[in-house]
Amino acid sequence: MTEKVTIGNAELWHGDCLDVLQTIAPVDAVVTDPPYGILNLAGGETSAIRKSRRVNAGRFAGTALGAGDHEWDEAPSRHVLLTIREKAPIQIIWGGNYFDLPPCRGILVWDKEQPWENFSQAEIAWTNINRPAAIFRMSATRGEPNKLHPTQKPIRLMEWCINRCGSAASFLDPFMGSGTTGVACVRLGKSFVGIERERKYFDIACERIENEQRQRRLAV
């Protein structure tokens, strides 16, 4: 069962991404951060996730970062990734080092400016954009306080990704999570299609994107 919510030029779907992908039109670019599957491989939460649950006191934190909830960390299959890539000529997929993807020239790196060795100090995105490798530097702890999802990316990082897609005007995130890619699209005046199967994160994404569009209208 799928549900579609339209907020301005954002089309948000609650449902399984493979089901929804079969019904939506192609877009200019995919920018997404799929689950990597590392929590399920490790058999539980990392210390970083446990700390995130403790320190975040946002309105949604009690439900979004619930202890022992690893369903969101199911990595996409090769078939899902192929289906996603068929939806757009430009693709940026975070966590690309975990997935079965072709070699790429323009790998993207997020330097998280993390001084502690027991935390990941960087994350990698696979992309088919034929440009030299690039690094984005922003603190993972200071740059995005009050996270609403355990692996939420900074909005500025997703804006950086979108800007690397040239003249692309429409974007897809089939693993929308709390909607950060959608918020970045609103800020940059791009249209957005997001898919999220977890109800709690879908609701968070809808609210964040609606709030961002409201602020944008007030600023005009």
C-alpha atoms as a PDB file:
ATOM      1  CA  MET A   1       0.000   0.000   0.000  1.00  0.00           C
ATOM      2  CA  THR A   2       1.493   3.330  -1.050  1.00  0.00           C
ATOM      3  CA  GLU A   3       0.529   6.882  -0.169  1.00  0.00           C
ATOM      4  CA  LYS A   4       1.411  10.034  -2.102  1.00  0.00           C
ATOM      5  CA  VAL A   5       1.668  13.499  -0.564  1.00  0.00           C
ATOM      6  CA  THR A   6       2.326  16.574  -2.735  1.00  0.00           C
ATOM      7  CA  ILE A   7       3.876  19.621  -1.064  1.00  0.00           C
ATOM      8  CA  GLY A   8       4.595  22.390  -3.559  1.00  0.00           C
ATOM      9  CA  ASN A   9       6.991  20.923  -6.137  1.00  0.00           C
ATOM     10  CA  ALA A  10       7.826  17.967  -3.869  1.00  0.00           C
ATOM     11  CA  GLU A  11       6.170  14.589  -4.440  1.00  0.00           C
ATOM     12  CA  LEU A  12       6.537  12.363  -1.370  1.00  0.00           C
ATOM     13  CA  TRP A  13       5.689   8.666  -1.323  1.00  0.00           C
ATOM     14  CA  HIS A  14       5.173   6.414   1.678  1.00  0.00           C
ATOM     15  CA  GLY A  15       5.849   2.853   0.560  1.00  0.00           C
ATOM     16  CA  ASP A  16       8.459   0.398  -0.640  1.00  0.00           C
ATOM     17  CA  CYS A  17      10.834   2.098  -3.070  1.00  0.00           C
ATOM     18  CA  LEU A  18      10.716  -0.722  -5.641  1.00  0.00           C
ATOM     19  CA  ASP A  19       6.902  -0.552  -5.817  1.00  0.00           C
ATOM     20  CA  VAL A  20       6.921   3.236  -6.173  1.00  0.00           C
ATOM     21  CA  LEU A  21       9.785   3.316  -8.696  1.00  0.00           C
ATOM     22  CA  GLN A  22       7.645   1.309 -11.106  1.00  0.00           C
ATOM     23  CA  THR A  23       5.012   4.070 -11.136  1.00  0.00           C
ATOM     24  CA  ILE A  24       6.969   7.345 -11.228  1.00  0.00           C
ATOM     25  CA  ALA A  25       8.436   9.179 -14.212  1.00  0.00           C
ATOM     26  CA  PRO A  26      12.198   9.538 -14.767  1.00  0.00           C
ATOM     27  CA  VAL A  27      14.007  12.525 -13.251  1.00  0.00           C
ATOM     28  CA  ASP A  28      17.232  14.391 -14.016  1.00  0.00           C
ATOM     29  CA  ALA A  29      19.257  13.093 -11.074  1.00  0.00           C
ATOM     30  CA  VAL A  30      19.250  10.661  -8.173  1.00  0.00           C
ATOM     31  CA  VAL A  31      20.868  11.862  -4.951  1.00  0.00           C
ATOM     32  CA  THR A  32      20.379   9.358  -2.168  1.00  0.00           C
ATOM     33  CA  ASP A  33      21.802   7.888   1.019  1.00  0.00           C
ATOM     34  CA  PRO A  34      20.604   4.263   1.218  1.00  0.00           C
ATOM     35  CA  PRO A  35      20.932   2.156   4.351  1.00  0.00           C
ATOM     36  CA  TYR A  36      24.381   0.582   4.341  1.00  0.00           C
ATOM     37  CA  GLY A  37      23.386  -2.562   6.240  1.00  0.00           C
ATOM     38  CA  ILE A  38      26.292  -2.246   8.670  1.00  0.00           C
ATOM     39  CA  LEU A  39      24.188  -2.321  11.858  1.00  0.00           C
ATOM     40  CA  ASN A  40      22.575  -5.597  10.884  1.00  0.00           C
ATOM     41  CA  LEU A  41      25.963  -7.022   9.874  1.00  0.00           C
ATOM     42  CA  ALA A  42      27.435  -5.998  13.214  1.00  0.00           C
ATOM     43  CA  GLY A  43      24.440  -7.321  15.126  1.00  0.00           C
ATOM     44  CA  GLY A  44      23.521  -4.090  16.865  1.00  0.00           C
ATOM     45  CA  GLU A  45      24.037  -0.383  17.340  1.00  0.00           C
ATOM     46  CA  THR A  46      27.400   1.308  17.024  1.00  0.00           C
ATOM     47  CA  SER A  47      28.586   3.571  19.809  1.00  0.00           C
ATOM     48  CA  ALA A  48      27.937   6.549  17.522  1.00  0.00           C
ATOM     49  CA  ILE A  49      24.251   5.600  17.136  1.00  0.00           C
ATOM     50  CA  ARG A  50      23.878   5.073  20.891  1.00  0.00           C
ATOM     51  CA  LYS A  51      25.411   8.481  21.554  1.00  0.00           C
ATOM     52  CA  SER A  52      23.137  10.065  18.950  1.00  0.00           C
ATOM     53  CA  ARG A  53      20.073   8.688  20.733  1.00  0.00           C
ATOM     54  CA  ARG A  54      21.282  10.096  24.056  1.00  0.00           C
ATOM     55  CA  VAL A  55      22.251  13.600  23.008  1.00  0.00           C
ATOM     56  CA  ASN A  56      19.409  14.455  20.601  1.00  0.00           C
ATOM     57  CA  ALA A  57      16.488  16.039  22.364  1.00  0.00           C
ATOM     58  CA  GLY A  58      14.456  17.141  19.318  1.00  0.00           C
ATOM     59  CA  ARG A  59      10.696  16.743  19.227  1.00  0.00           C
ATOM     60  CA  PHE A  60      10.879  13.540  17.159  1.00  0.00           C
ATOM     61  CA  ALA A  61      13.932  12.047  18.845  1.00  0.00           C
ATOM     62  CA  GLY A  62      12.018   9.731  21.173  1.00  0.00           C
ATOM     63  CA  THR A  63      10.487   7.820  18.258  1.00  0.00           C
ATOM     64  CA  ALA A  64      12.967   8.406  15.445  1.00  0.00           C
ATOM     65  CA  LEU A  65      15.983   7.122  17.346  1.00  0.00           C
ATOM     66  CA  GLY A  66      14.389   4.318  19.302  1.00  0.00           C
ATOM     67  CA  ALA A  67      16.676   1.742  20.851  1.00  0.00           C
ATOM     68  CA  GLY A  68      16.994  -1.552  19.018  1.00  0.00           C
ATOM     69  CA  ASP A  69      15.188  -0.370  15.878  1.00  0.00           C
ATOM     70  CA  HIS A  70      17.397  -1.522  12.991  1.00  0.00           C
ATOM     71  CA  GLU A  71      14.741  -2.070  10.320  1.00  0.00           C
ATOM     72  CA  TRP A  72      15.775   1.139   8.559  1.00  0.00           C
ATOM     73  CA  ASP A  73      19.296  -0.295   8.055  1.00  0.00           C
ATOM     74  CA  GLU A  74      18.369  -2.952   5.486  1.00  0.00           C
ATOM     75  CA  ALA A  75      20.743  -2.461   2.541  1.00  0.00           C
ATOM     76  CA  PRO A  76      19.208  -2.308  -0.970  1.00  0.00           C
ATOM     77  CA  SER A  77      19.618  -5.297  -3.270  1.00  0.00           C
ATOM     78  CA  ARG A  78      21.501  -5.133  -6.565  1.00  0.00           C
ATOM     79  CA  HIS A  79      18.150  -5.216  -8.386  1.00  0.00           C
ATOM     80  CA  VAL A  80      16.885  -2.205  -6.420  1.00  0.00           C
ATOM     81  CA  LEU A  81      20.062  -0.254  -7.173  1.00  0.00           C
ATOM     82  CA  LEU A  82      19.800  -1.034 -10.887  1.00  0.00           C
ATOM     83  CA  THR A  83      16.157   0.076 -10.912  1.00  0.00           C
ATOM     84  CA  ILE A  84      17.086   3.321  -9.170  1.00  0.00           C
ATOM     85  CA  ARG A  85      19.892   4.061 -11.626  1.00  0.00           C
ATOM     86  CA  GLU A  86      17.509   3.575 -14.560  1.00  0.00           C
ATOM     87  CA  LYS A  87      15.405   6.480 -13.303  1.00  0.00           C
ATOM     88  CA  ALA A  88      17.993   9.207 -13.932  1.00  0.00           C
ATOM     89  CA  PRO A  89      21.072   9.843 -16.082  1.00  0.00           C
ATOM     90  CA  ILE A  90      22.931  11.449 -13.141  1.00  0.00           C
ATOM     91  CA  GLN A  91      23.449   9.458  -9.956  1.00  0.00           C
ATOM     92  CA  ILE A  92      25.042  10.095  -6.558  1.00  0.00           C
ATOM     93  CA  ILE A  93      24.733   7.225  -4.081  1.00  0.00           C
ATOM     94  CA  TRP A  94      26.199   7.602  -0.598  1.00  0.00           C
ATOM     95  CA  GLY A  95      27.747   4.494   0.897  1.00  0.00           C
ATOM     96  CA  GLY A  96      28.736   3.361  -2.578  1.00  0.00           C
ATOM     97  CA  ASN A  97      31.678   1.455  -1.134  1.00  0.00           C
ATOM     98  CA  TYR A  98      29.180  -1.010   0.382  1.00  0.00           C
ATOM     99  CA  PHE A  99      27.307  -1.743  -2.846  1.00  0.00           C
ATOM    100  CA  ASP A 100      27.871  -3.584  -6.117  1.00  0.00           C
ATOM    101  CA  LEU A 101      28.371  -0.567  -8.388  1.00  0.00           C
ATOM    102  CA  PRO A 102      30.680   0.065 -11.377  1.00  0.00           C
ATOM    103  CA  PRO A 103      34.061   1.765 -10.952  1.00  0.00           C
ATOM    104  CA  CYS A 104      33.784   5.550 -10.870  1.00  0.00           C
ATOM    105  CA  ARG A 105      36.089   8.497 -11.452  1.00  0.00           C
ATOM    106  CA  GLY A 106      34.390  11.248  -9.487  1.00  0.00           C
ATOM    107  CA  ILE A 107      34.065   9.681  -6.043  1.00  0.00           C
ATOM    108  CA  LEU A 108      32.759  12.096  -3.380  1.00  0.00           C
ATOM    109  CA  VAL A 109      34.062  12.160   0.182  1.00  0.00           C
ATOM    110  CA  TRP A 110      32.493  13.746   3.242  1.00  0.00           C
ATOM    111  CA  ASP A 111      35.281  14.600   5.707  1.00  0.00           C
ATOM    112  CA  LYS A 112      33.323  14.580   8.961  1.00  0.00           C
ATOM    113  CA  GLU A 113      36.106  16.389  10.867  1.00  0.00           C
ATOM    114  CA  GLN A 114      35.769  13.719  13.512  1.00  0.00           C
ATOM    115  CA  PRO A 115      38.750  13.667  15.901  1.00  0.00           C
ATOM    116  CA  TRP A 116      37.835  10.410  17.664  1.00  0.00           C
ATOM    117  CA  GLU A 117      39.152   7.210  16.103  1.00  0.00           C
ATOM    118  CA  ASN A 118      36.192   5.070  17.223  1.00  0.00           C
ATOM    119  CA  PHE A 119      33.860   7.187  15.027  1.00  0.00           C
ATOM    120  CA  SER A 120      33.828   7.111  11.237  1.00  0.00           C
ATOM    121  CA  GLN A 121      35.965  10.010  10.047  1.00  0.00           C
ATOM    122  CA  ALA A 122      34.622  10.044   6.485  1.00  0.00           C
ATOM    123  CA  GLU A 123      31.868   8.704   4.232  1.00  0.00           C
ATOM    124  CA  ILE A 124      32.054   7.958   0.506  1.00  0.00           C
ATOM    125  CA  ALA A 125      29.555   8.481  -2.307  1.00  0.00           C
ATOM    126  CA  TRP A 126      29.656   6.682  -5.642  1.00  0.00           C
ATOM    127  CA  THR A 127      28.714   8.795  -8.657  1.00  0.00           C
ATOM    128  CA  ASN A 128      28.644   8.420 -12.429  1.00  0.00           C
ATOM    129  CA  ILE A 129      29.502  12.111 -12.859  1.00  0.00           C
ATOM    130  CA  ASN A 130      32.701  12.283 -14.907  1.00  0.00           C
ATOM    131  CA  ARG A 131      34.578  14.792 -12.773  1.00  0.00           C
ATOM    132  CA  PRO A 132      37.613  14.571 -10.484  1.00  0.00           C
ATOM    133  CA  ALA A 133      37.104  13.264  -6.961  1.00  0.00           C
ATOM    134  CA  ALA A 134      36.027  15.904  -4.459  1.00  0.00           C
ATOM    135  CA  ILE A 135      35.890  16.384  -0.690  1.00  0.00           C
ATOM    136  CA  PHE A 136      33.278  18.198   1.398  1.00  0.00           C
ATOM    137  CA  ARG A 137      34.405  19.165   4.897  1.00  0.00           C
ATOM    138  CA  MET A 138      31.896  19.706   7.689  1.00  0.00           C
ATOM    139  CA  SER A 139      31.710  18.491  11.256  1.00  0.00           C
ATOM    140  CA  ALA A 140      29.332  15.581  11.752  1.00  0.00           C
ATOM    141  CA  THR A 141      28.630  16.646  15.338  1.00  0.00           C
ATOM    142  CA  ARG A 142      28.677  20.447  15.218  1.00  0.00           C
ATOM    143  CA  GLY A 143      27.236  20.749  11.708  1.00  0.00           C
ATOM    144  CA  GLU A 144      23.907  18.963  12.199  1.00  0.00           C
ATOM    145  CA  PRO A 145      22.641  19.076  15.818  1.00  0.00           C
ATOM    146  CA  ASN A 146      19.333  17.521  16.918  1.00  0.00           C
ATOM    147  CA  LYS A 147      19.268  14.789  14.308  1.00  0.00           C
ATOM    148  CA  LEU A 148      15.882  13.255  13.486  1.00  0.00           C
ATOM    149  CA  HIS A 149      17.323  10.097  11.886  1.00  0.00           C
ATOM    150  CA  PRO A 150      20.326   8.046  13.067  1.00  0.00           C
ATOM    151  CA  THR A 151      22.266   8.595   9.821  1.00  0.00           C
ATOM    152  CA  GLN A 152      20.939  12.027   8.855  1.00  0.00           C
ATOM    153  CA  LYS A 153      23.250  13.963   6.521  1.00  0.00           C
ATOM    154  CA  PRO A 154      23.838  17.752   6.814  1.00  0.00           C
ATOM    155  CA  ILE A 155      21.636  19.860   4.544  1.00  0.00           C
ATOM    156  CA  ARG A 156      24.711  21.687   3.239  1.00  0.00           C
ATOM    157  CA  LEU A 157      26.251  18.368   2.187  1.00  0.00           C
ATOM    158  CA  MET A 158      23.185  17.473   0.130  1.00  0.00           C
ATOM    159  CA  GLU A 159      23.129  20.972  -1.383  1.00  0.00           C
ATOM    160  CA  TRP A 160      26.755  20.407  -2.421  1.00  0.00           C
ATOM    161  CA  CYS A 161      25.760  17.137  -4.087  1.00  0.00           C
ATOM    162  CA  ILE A 162      22.851  18.752  -5.912  1.00  0.00           C
ATOM    163  CA  ASN A 163      25.062  21.571  -7.170  1.00  0.00           C
ATOM    164  CA  ARG A 164      27.483  18.994  -8.615  1.00  0.00           C
ATOM    165  CA  CYS A 165      24.655  17.747 -10.861  1.00  0.00           C
ATOM    166  CA  GLY A 166      24.928  20.737 -13.189  1.00  0.00           C
ATOM    167  CA  SER A 167      21.657  21.918 -14.721  1.00  0.00           C
ATOM    168  CA  ALA A 168      19.558  19.033 -13.326  1.00  0.00           C
ATOM    169  CA  ALA A 169      16.195  20.401 -12.208  1.00  0.00           C
ATOM    170  CA  SER A 170      14.398  17.328 -10.853  1.00  0.00           C
ATOM    171  CA  PHE A 171      15.752  14.998  -8.173  1.00  0.00           C
ATOM    172  CA  LEU A 172      14.860  11.617  -6.701  1.00  0.00           C
ATOM    173  CA  ASP A 173      15.729  10.184  -3.293  1.00  0.00           C
ATOM    174  CA  PRO A 174      14.262   6.650  -2.983  1.00  0.00           C
ATOM    175  CA  PHE A 175      15.579   6.366   0.600  1.00  0.00           C
ATOM    176  CA  MET A 176      14.303   9.713   1.828  1.00  0.00           C
ATOM    177  CA  GLY A 177      14.659   9.143   5.578  1.00  0.00           C
ATOM    178  CA  SER A 178      13.931  12.402   7.371  1.00  0.00           C
ATOM    179  CA  GLY A 179      13.851  14.343   4.093  1.00  0.00           C
ATOM    180  CA  THR A 180      17.205  16.140   4.057  1.00  0.00           C
ATOM    181  CA  THR A 181      17.656  15.830   0.275  1.00  0.00           C
ATOM    182  CA  GLY A 182      14.155  17.227  -0.174  1.00  0.00           C
ATOM    183  CA  VAL A 183      14.895  20.186   2.100  1.00  0.00           C
ATOM    184  CA  ALA A 184      18.058  20.895   0.109  1.00  0.00           C
ATOM    185  CA  CYS A 185      16.049  20.767  -3.142  1.00  0.00           C
ATOM    186  CA  VAL A 186      13.541  23.281  -1.787  1.00  0.00           C
ATOM    187  CA  ARG A 187      16.346  25.647  -0.830  1.00  0.00           C
ATOM    188  CA  LEU A 188      17.864  25.402  -4.310  1.00  0.00           C
ATOM    189  CA  GLY A 189      14.563  25.669  -6.207  1.00  0.00           C
ATOM    190  CA  LYS A 190      14.615  22.081  -7.532  1.00  0.00           C
ATOM    191  CA  SER A 191      11.679  19.695  -7.838  1.00  0.00           C
ATOM    192  CA  PHE A 192      11.872  16.581  -5.682  1.00  0.00           C
ATOM    193  CA  VAL A 193      10.507  13.055  -5.515  1.00  0.00           C
ATOM    194  CA  GLY A 194      11.108  11.205  -2.255  1.00  0.00           C
ATOM    195  CA  ILE A 195      10.246   7.674  -1.150  1.00  0.00           C
ATOM    196  CA  GLU A 196      10.314   6.365   2.428  1.00  0.00           C
ATOM    197  CA  ARG A 197       8.846   3.118   3.751  1.00  0.00           C
ATOM    198  CA  GLU A 198       9.132   3.857   7.502  1.00  0.00           C
ATOM    199  CA  ARG A 199       6.050   5.797   8.599  1.00  0.00           C
ATOM    200  CA  LYS A 200       7.734   7.784  11.360  1.00  0.00           C
ATOM    201  CA  TYR A 201      10.484   9.070   9.068  1.00  0.00           C
ATOM    202  CA  PHE A 202       8.011   9.764   6.249  1.00  0.00           C
ATOM    203  CA  ASP A 203       5.979  11.990   8.574  1.00  0.00           C
ATOM    204  CA  ILE A 204       9.128  13.801   9.707  1.00  0.00           C
ATOM    205  CA  ALA A 205      10.174  14.356   6.070  1.00  0.00           C
ATOM    206  CA  CYS A 206       6.757  15.762   5.149  1.00  0.00           C
ATOM    207  CA  GLU A 207       6.892  18.237   8.016  1.00  0.00           C
ATOM    208  CA  ARG A 208      10.471  19.328   7.344  1.00  0.00           C
ATOM    209  CA  ILE A 209       9.842  19.879   3.628  1.00  0.00           C
ATOM    210  CA  GLU A 210       6.568  21.688   4.271  1.00  0.00           C
ATOM    211  CA  ASN A 211       8.261  23.968   6.828  1.00  0.00           C
ATOM    212  CA  GLU A 212      11.099  24.712   4.393  1.00  0.00           C
ATOM    213  CA  GLN A 213       8.668  25.576   1.595  1.00  0.00           C
ATOM    214  CA  ARG A 214       6.732  27.820   3.953  1.00  0.00           C
ATOM    215  CA  GLN A 215       9.898  29.683   4.932  1.00  0.00           C
ATOM    216  CA  ARG A 216      10.832  30.029   1.262  1.00  0.00           C
ATOM    217  CA  ARG A 217       7.441  31.579   0.424  1.00  0.00           C
ATOM    218  CA  LEU A 218       7.738  34.037   3.333  1.00  0.00           C
ATOM    219  CA  ALA A 219      11.218  35.078   2.194  1.00  0.00           C
ATOM    220  CA  VAL A 220      10.062  35.973  -1.337  1.00  0.00           C
END
